[in-house]
Amino acid sequence: MKYIVDDKKLDAELFVSFANKVWQGDYDIKETQKALEKTINITAYNDNKLVGCIRILSDGYYFGTITELLVLPEFQHKGIGSRLLNLAKENAPTMLYFGAQPGVEEFYEKNGCEKRMQSYIIKK
C-alpha cells in the first residue's frame, strides 16, 4: 500500500469515480476539482489504484475538519482507514473536528478520537 500525504496529483475524475464506489452522489467534476485544491488530500493506492482517501480542510491555525474518510468497500477492515486517520493527525496543521456517520463511532474511538460535541448542518 502506498500512502501519499498532500496528494497534489489527485484529480477530480479519479476522485469522483472512486467516491461513487463508496458514497454515491451526483458530483460535478469542475466543482470537485476546486474542492480538491482547497484540501489536504491524503491518499492510499494499491497497485496504482486509489483505494482510500481522507481530506482535511483547515484555516491553518484555529480550525480543521475532516471532510470525508473513504475506503473502497473491498479494502475496508484492512487498516487503511486507521492509517489514513493517523496520517491526518500527524499532518494536520490544527486540531481536527468532524462528524461521523451513525454506526462508525467505534472505529473513531478505537483510533484515539474523542467524542466531544454533537454536529449540526445548515442546508444551502
N, C-alpha and C. Protein backbone atom coordinates (compact mmCIF):
# COMPACT_ATOMS: atom_id res chain seq x y z
N MET A 1 0.86 -1.17 0.00
CA MET A 1 0.00 0.00 0.00
C MET A 1 0.90 1.23 0.00
N LYS A 2 0.60 2.16 -0.88
CA LYS A 2 1.37 3.41 -0.95
C LYS A 2 0.46 4.55 -0.47
N TYR A 3 0.95 5.32 0.50
CA TYR A 3 0.21 6.46 1.04
C TYR A 3 0.90 7.73 0.59
N ILE A 4 0.11 8.71 0.17
CA ILE A 4 0.67 10.00 -0.26
C ILE A 4 0.00 11.10 0.57
N VAL A 5 0.82 11.85 1.29
CA VAL A 5 0.33 12.98 2.08
C VAL A 5 0.33 14.21 1.19
N ASP A 6 -0.76 14.95 1.18
CA ASP A 6 -0.96 16.13 0.35
C ASP A 6 -0.77 15.77 -1.13
N ASP A 7 -1.58 14.83 -1.57
CA ASP A 7 -1.52 14.30 -2.92
C ASP A 7 -2.00 15.36 -3.93
N LYS A 8 -1.05 16.10 -4.48
CA LYS A 8 -1.35 17.17 -5.44
C LYS A 8 -1.78 16.63 -6.80
N LYS A 9 -1.50 15.35 -7.06
CA LYS A 9 -1.86 14.77 -8.36
C LYS A 9 -3.27 14.18 -8.38
N LEU A 10 -3.95 14.17 -7.23
CA LEU A 10 -5.31 13.65 -7.17
C LEU A 10 -6.22 14.56 -8.00
N ASP A 11 -6.78 14.01 -9.07
CA ASP A 11 -7.64 14.83 -9.91
C ASP A 11 -9.10 14.44 -9.70
N ALA A 12 -9.98 15.33 -10.12
CA ALA A 12 -11.40 15.20 -9.86
C ALA A 12 -12.02 13.97 -10.51
N GLU A 13 -11.63 13.66 -11.73
CA GLU A 13 -12.22 12.50 -12.40
C GLU A 13 -11.91 11.20 -11.64
N LEU A 14 -10.66 11.04 -11.23
CA LEU A 14 -10.29 9.87 -10.45
C LEU A 14 -11.03 9.85 -9.12
N PHE A 15 -11.05 11.01 -8.43
CA PHE A 15 -11.70 11.08 -7.13
C PHE A 15 -13.20 10.78 -7.23
N VAL A 16 -13.89 11.34 -8.22
CA VAL A 16 -15.33 11.13 -8.36
C VAL A 16 -15.63 9.66 -8.67
N SER A 17 -14.85 9.06 -9.55
CA SER A 17 -15.02 7.65 -9.85
C SER A 17 -14.86 6.81 -8.59
N PHE A 18 -13.84 7.12 -7.81
CA PHE A 18 -13.57 6.43 -6.54
C PHE A 18 -14.70 6.68 -5.54
N ALA A 19 -15.07 7.94 -5.34
CA ALA A 19 -16.08 8.30 -4.34
C ALA A 19 -17.42 7.64 -4.64
N ASN A 20 -17.78 7.54 -5.89
CA ASN A 20 -19.06 6.92 -6.25
C ASN A 20 -19.11 5.43 -5.92
N LYS A 21 -17.98 4.81 -5.72
CA LYS A 21 -17.95 3.40 -5.32
C LYS A 21 -18.16 3.24 -3.82
N VAL A 22 -17.98 4.35 -3.09
CA VAL A 22 -18.13 4.32 -1.64
C VAL A 22 -19.40 5.05 -1.21
N TRP A 23 -19.62 6.21 -1.79
CA TRP A 23 -20.74 7.06 -1.42
C TRP A 23 -21.30 7.68 -2.69
N GLN A 24 -22.37 7.08 -3.19
CA GLN A 24 -22.97 7.52 -4.44
C GLN A 24 -23.42 8.99 -4.34
N GLY A 25 -23.14 9.73 -5.40
CA GLY A 25 -23.56 11.13 -5.44
C GLY A 25 -23.51 11.65 -6.86
N ASP A 26 -24.08 12.80 -7.04
CA ASP A 26 -24.07 13.48 -8.34
C ASP A 26 -23.00 14.56 -8.26
N TYR A 27 -21.74 14.15 -8.39
CA TYR A 27 -20.61 15.05 -8.20
C TYR A 27 -20.21 15.72 -9.51
N ASP A 28 -20.09 17.02 -9.49
CA ASP A 28 -19.65 17.79 -10.65
C ASP A 28 -18.12 17.77 -10.68
N ILE A 29 -17.55 17.42 -11.83
CA ILE A 29 -16.10 17.30 -11.96
C ILE A 29 -15.39 18.63 -11.71
N LYS A 30 -15.90 19.69 -12.32
CA LYS A 30 -15.26 21.01 -12.19
C LYS A 30 -15.29 21.50 -10.74
N GLU A 31 -16.43 21.37 -10.10
CA GLU A 31 -16.55 21.81 -8.70
C GLU A 31 -15.73 20.91 -7.78
N THR A 32 -15.68 19.63 -8.10
CA THR A 32 -14.85 18.71 -7.30
C THR A 32 -13.39 19.09 -7.39
N GLN A 33 -12.93 19.47 -8.58
CA GLN A 33 -11.53 19.87 -8.74
C GLN A 33 -11.21 21.08 -7.87
N LYS A 34 -12.13 22.06 -7.85
CA LYS A 34 -11.93 23.24 -6.99
C LYS A 34 -11.85 22.83 -5.53
N ALA A 35 -12.72 21.90 -5.12
CA ALA A 35 -12.73 21.45 -3.73
C ALA A 35 -11.43 20.74 -3.37
N LEU A 36 -10.95 19.88 -4.27
CA LEU A 36 -9.71 19.14 -4.01
C LEU A 36 -8.52 20.07 -3.86
N GLU A 37 -8.54 21.18 -4.57
CA GLU A 37 -7.45 22.14 -4.50
C GLU A 37 -7.43 22.91 -3.18
N LYS A 38 -8.52 22.85 -2.42
CA LYS A 38 -8.62 23.58 -1.16
C LYS A 38 -8.38 22.69 0.06
N THR A 39 -8.13 21.41 -0.17
CA THR A 39 -7.96 20.49 0.95
C THR A 39 -6.60 19.80 0.89
N ILE A 40 -6.18 19.31 2.05
CA ILE A 40 -5.03 18.43 2.13
C ILE A 40 -5.59 17.03 1.87
N ASN A 41 -5.14 16.41 0.80
CA ASN A 41 -5.66 15.10 0.40
C ASN A 41 -4.61 14.04 0.70
N ILE A 42 -4.96 13.10 1.55
CA ILE A 42 -4.07 12.00 1.88
C ILE A 42 -4.69 10.75 1.26
N THR A 43 -3.92 10.10 0.41
CA THR A 43 -4.47 9.01 -0.37
C THR A 43 -3.75 7.69 -0.10
N ALA A 44 -4.46 6.60 -0.41
CA ALA A 44 -3.91 5.26 -0.32
C ALA A 44 -4.11 4.58 -1.68
N TYR A 45 -3.02 4.07 -2.22
CA TYR A 45 -3.07 3.39 -3.52
C TYR A 45 -2.60 1.96 -3.35
N ASN A 46 -3.30 1.04 -3.99
CA ASN A 46 -2.89 -0.35 -4.07
C ASN A 46 -2.64 -0.66 -5.54
N ASP A 47 -1.39 -0.90 -5.92
CA ASP A 47 -1.05 -1.14 -7.33
C ASP A 47 -1.60 -0.03 -8.23
N ASN A 48 -1.35 1.22 -7.87
CA ASN A 48 -1.78 2.40 -8.63
C ASN A 48 -3.30 2.59 -8.68
N LYS A 49 -4.04 1.87 -7.88
CA LYS A 49 -5.50 2.03 -7.80
C LYS A 49 -5.83 2.78 -6.51
N LEU A 50 -6.57 3.88 -6.64
CA LEU A 50 -6.98 4.64 -5.46
C LEU A 50 -7.97 3.80 -4.66
N VAL A 51 -7.60 3.48 -3.42
CA VAL A 51 -8.47 2.65 -2.58
C VAL A 51 -8.92 3.36 -1.31
N GLY A 52 -8.28 4.50 -0.98
CA GLY A 52 -8.66 5.23 0.22
C GLY A 52 -8.24 6.68 0.14
N CYS A 53 -9.00 7.55 0.81
CA CYS A 53 -8.68 8.98 0.81
C CYS A 53 -9.30 9.63 2.03
N ILE A 54 -8.54 10.52 2.63
CA ILE A 54 -9.05 11.39 3.69
C ILE A 54 -8.71 12.81 3.27
N ARG A 55 -9.68 13.71 3.43
CA ARG A 55 -9.48 15.11 3.04
C ARG A 55 -9.60 15.99 4.26
N ILE A 56 -8.67 16.96 4.39
CA ILE A 56 -8.64 17.88 5.52
C ILE A 56 -8.81 19.30 5.00
N LEU A 57 -9.73 20.02 5.59
CA LEU A 57 -9.94 21.43 5.29
C LEU A 57 -9.56 22.20 6.55
N SER A 58 -8.66 23.18 6.41
CA SER A 58 -8.17 23.90 7.59
C SER A 58 -7.85 25.35 7.26
N ASP A 59 -8.03 26.22 8.26
CA ASP A 59 -7.58 27.60 8.09
C ASP A 59 -6.11 27.74 8.49
N GLY A 60 -5.51 26.66 8.96
CA GLY A 60 -4.09 26.66 9.29
C GLY A 60 -3.75 27.06 10.71
N TYR A 61 -4.74 27.53 11.45
CA TYR A 61 -4.45 27.97 12.81
C TYR A 61 -5.54 27.60 13.82
N TYR A 62 -6.76 28.04 13.58
CA TYR A 62 -7.84 27.83 14.53
C TYR A 62 -8.60 26.53 14.32
N PHE A 63 -8.84 26.19 13.07
CA PHE A 63 -9.83 25.16 12.80
C PHE A 63 -9.40 24.23 11.68
N GLY A 64 -9.70 22.97 11.85
CA GLY A 64 -9.51 21.98 10.79
C GLY A 64 -10.62 20.95 10.90
N THR A 65 -11.02 20.41 9.78
CA THR A 65 -12.05 19.39 9.77
C THR A 65 -11.72 18.32 8.75
N ILE A 66 -12.14 17.13 9.04
CA ILE A 66 -12.05 16.05 8.06
C ILE A 66 -13.34 16.10 7.26
N THR A 67 -13.22 16.37 5.96
CA THR A 67 -14.43 16.46 5.14
C THR A 67 -14.98 15.08 4.84
N GLU A 68 -14.10 14.10 4.59
CA GLU A 68 -14.54 12.72 4.47
C GLU A 68 -13.35 11.79 4.58
N LEU A 69 -13.65 10.59 4.99
CA LEU A 69 -12.71 9.48 5.02
C LEU A 69 -13.39 8.35 4.26
N LEU A 70 -12.84 8.01 3.11
CA LEU A 70 -13.45 6.99 2.25
C LEU A 70 -12.45 5.87 1.95
N VAL A 71 -12.91 4.65 2.04
CA VAL A 71 -12.12 3.47 1.67
C VAL A 71 -13.04 2.56 0.87
N LEU A 72 -12.55 2.07 -0.26
CA LEU A 72 -13.35 1.17 -1.08
C LEU A 72 -13.84 0.00 -0.23
N PRO A 73 -15.09 -0.42 -0.42
CA PRO A 73 -15.65 -1.49 0.42
C PRO A 73 -14.77 -2.74 0.48
N GLU A 74 -14.20 -3.15 -0.63
CA GLU A 74 -13.39 -4.38 -0.63
C GLU A 74 -12.04 -4.20 0.07
N PHE A 75 -11.69 -2.97 0.44
CA PHE A 75 -10.44 -2.71 1.15
C PHE A 75 -10.68 -2.28 2.60
N GLN A 76 -11.94 -2.25 3.02
CA GLN A 76 -12.24 -1.89 4.40
C GLN A 76 -11.86 -3.03 5.34
N HIS A 77 -11.63 -2.69 6.60
CA HIS A 77 -11.25 -3.64 7.65
C HIS A 77 -9.86 -4.24 7.40
N LYS A 78 -9.00 -3.46 6.75
CA LYS A 78 -7.63 -3.89 6.49
C LYS A 78 -6.62 -2.89 7.06
N GLY A 79 -7.09 -1.92 7.86
CA GLY A 79 -6.20 -0.95 8.48
C GLY A 79 -5.95 0.31 7.67
N ILE A 80 -6.52 0.40 6.47
CA ILE A 80 -6.27 1.56 5.61
C ILE A 80 -6.90 2.82 6.20
N GLY A 81 -8.14 2.73 6.63
CA GLY A 81 -8.80 3.89 7.24
C GLY A 81 -8.06 4.36 8.49
N SER A 82 -7.61 3.42 9.30
CA SER A 82 -6.85 3.77 10.51
C SER A 82 -5.55 4.47 10.14
N ARG A 83 -4.86 3.98 9.13
CA ARG A 83 -3.59 4.59 8.70
C ARG A 83 -3.85 6.00 8.16
N LEU A 84 -4.90 6.16 7.35
CA LEU A 84 -5.23 7.49 6.81
C LEU A 84 -5.56 8.46 7.94
N LEU A 85 -6.31 8.00 8.92
CA LEU A 85 -6.67 8.85 10.06
C LEU A 85 -5.42 9.25 10.85
N ASN A 86 -4.50 8.32 11.03
CA ASN A 86 -3.26 8.62 11.74
C ASN A 86 -2.40 9.61 10.95
N LEU A 87 -2.34 9.44 9.63
CA LEU A 87 -1.59 10.39 8.80
C LEU A 87 -2.22 11.78 8.86
N ALA A 88 -3.53 11.84 8.92
CA ALA A 88 -4.23 13.13 9.06
C ALA A 88 -3.84 13.79 10.38
N LYS A 89 -3.84 13.01 11.44
CA LYS A 89 -3.47 13.53 12.76
C LYS A 89 -2.04 14.06 12.75
N GLU A 90 -1.13 13.33 12.11
CA GLU A 90 0.28 13.73 12.07
C GLU A 90 0.52 14.95 11.19
N ASN A 91 -0.29 15.15 10.18
CA ASN A 91 -0.01 16.19 9.18
C ASN A 91 -0.96 17.38 9.17
N ALA A 92 -2.02 17.33 9.93
CA ALA A 92 -2.95 18.46 10.00
C ALA A 92 -2.30 19.62 10.76
N PRO A 93 -2.48 20.84 10.30
CA PRO A 93 -1.89 21.98 10.99
C PRO A 93 -2.63 22.38 12.26
N THR A 94 -3.81 21.81 12.47
CA THR A 94 -4.64 22.18 13.62
C THR A 94 -5.28 20.94 14.23
N MET A 95 -5.98 21.14 15.33
CA MET A 95 -6.84 20.11 15.87
C MET A 95 -7.93 19.86 14.82
N LEU A 96 -8.42 18.64 14.74
CA LEU A 96 -9.44 18.32 13.75
C LEU A 96 -10.79 18.05 14.41
N TYR A 97 -11.82 18.68 13.87
CA TYR A 97 -13.20 18.45 14.28
C TYR A 97 -13.90 17.79 13.10
N PHE A 98 -14.78 16.86 13.37
CA PHE A 98 -15.50 16.22 12.27
C PHE A 98 -16.72 15.49 12.80
N GLY A 99 -17.63 15.23 11.90
CA GLY A 99 -18.80 14.44 12.21
C GLY A 99 -18.58 13.02 11.72
N ALA A 100 -19.37 12.09 12.22
CA ALA A 100 -19.26 10.70 11.80
C ALA A 100 -20.65 10.15 11.52
N GLN A 101 -20.72 9.30 10.53
CA GLN A 101 -21.97 8.63 10.23
C GLN A 101 -22.33 7.70 11.39
N PRO A 102 -23.62 7.57 11.70
CA PRO A 102 -24.02 6.63 12.76
C PRO A 102 -23.52 5.22 12.45
N GLY A 103 -23.03 4.55 13.47
CA GLY A 103 -22.56 3.19 13.31
C GLY A 103 -21.05 3.05 13.18
N VAL A 104 -20.35 4.15 12.98
CA VAL A 104 -18.89 4.06 12.83
C VAL A 104 -18.15 4.69 14.01
N GLU A 105 -18.89 5.05 15.04
CA GLU A 105 -18.26 5.68 16.20
C GLU A 105 -17.16 4.81 16.80
N GLU A 106 -17.37 3.50 16.83
CA GLU A 106 -16.39 2.58 17.41
C GLU A 106 -15.05 2.66 16.67
N PHE A 107 -15.10 2.80 15.34
CA PHE A 107 -13.87 2.93 14.55
C PHE A 107 -13.07 4.14 15.01
N TYR A 108 -13.74 5.30 15.13
CA TYR A 108 -13.03 6.52 15.52
C TYR A 108 -12.51 6.43 16.95
N GLU A 109 -13.31 5.91 17.85
CA GLU A 109 -12.88 5.79 19.25
C GLU A 109 -11.71 4.82 19.37
N LYS A 110 -11.73 3.72 18.59
CA LYS A 110 -10.62 2.75 18.58
C LYS A 110 -9.33 3.41 18.11
N ASN A 111 -9.47 4.45 17.29
CA ASN A 111 -8.31 5.15 16.73
C ASN A 111 -7.95 6.41 17.52
N GLY A 112 -8.41 6.50 18.76
CA GLY A 112 -7.98 7.58 19.65
C GLY A 112 -8.75 8.88 19.53
N CYS A 113 -9.84 8.88 18.80
CA CYS A 113 -10.65 10.10 18.68
C CYS A 113 -11.61 10.19 19.86
N GLU A 114 -11.83 11.40 20.33
CA GLU A 114 -12.72 11.62 21.45
C GLU A 114 -14.04 12.22 20.96
N LYS A 115 -15.13 11.65 21.43
CA LYS A 115 -16.44 12.20 21.11
C LYS A 115 -16.64 13.42 22.00
N ARG A 116 -16.90 14.57 21.38
CA ARG A 116 -16.99 15.80 22.15
C ARG A 116 -18.32 16.53 22.00
N MET A 117 -18.71 16.79 20.77
CA MET A 117 -19.90 17.60 20.60
C MET A 117 -20.77 17.04 19.49
N GLN A 118 -22.01 17.36 19.57
CA GLN A 118 -22.94 16.98 18.52
C GLN A 118 -22.76 17.94 17.36
N SER A 119 -23.02 17.47 16.14
CA SER A 119 -22.88 18.38 14.99
C SER A 119 -24.24 18.72 14.42
N TYR A 120 -24.28 19.82 13.71
CA TYR A 120 -25.48 20.30 13.07
C TYR A 120 -25.11 20.72 11.65
N ILE A 121 -26.11 20.84 10.78
CA ILE A 121 -25.86 21.33 9.44
C ILE A 121 -26.84 22.45 9.13
N ILE A 122 -26.43 23.32 8.26
CA ILE A 122 -27.29 24.35 7.69
C ILE A 122 -27.32 24.06 6.20
N LYS A 123 -28.46 23.68 5.69
CA LYS A 123 -28.55 23.34 4.27
C LYS A 123 -28.57 24.58 3.42
N LYS A 124 -27.96 24.50 2.28
CA LYS A 124 -27.88 25.62 1.32
C LYS A 124 -28.86 25.39 0.21
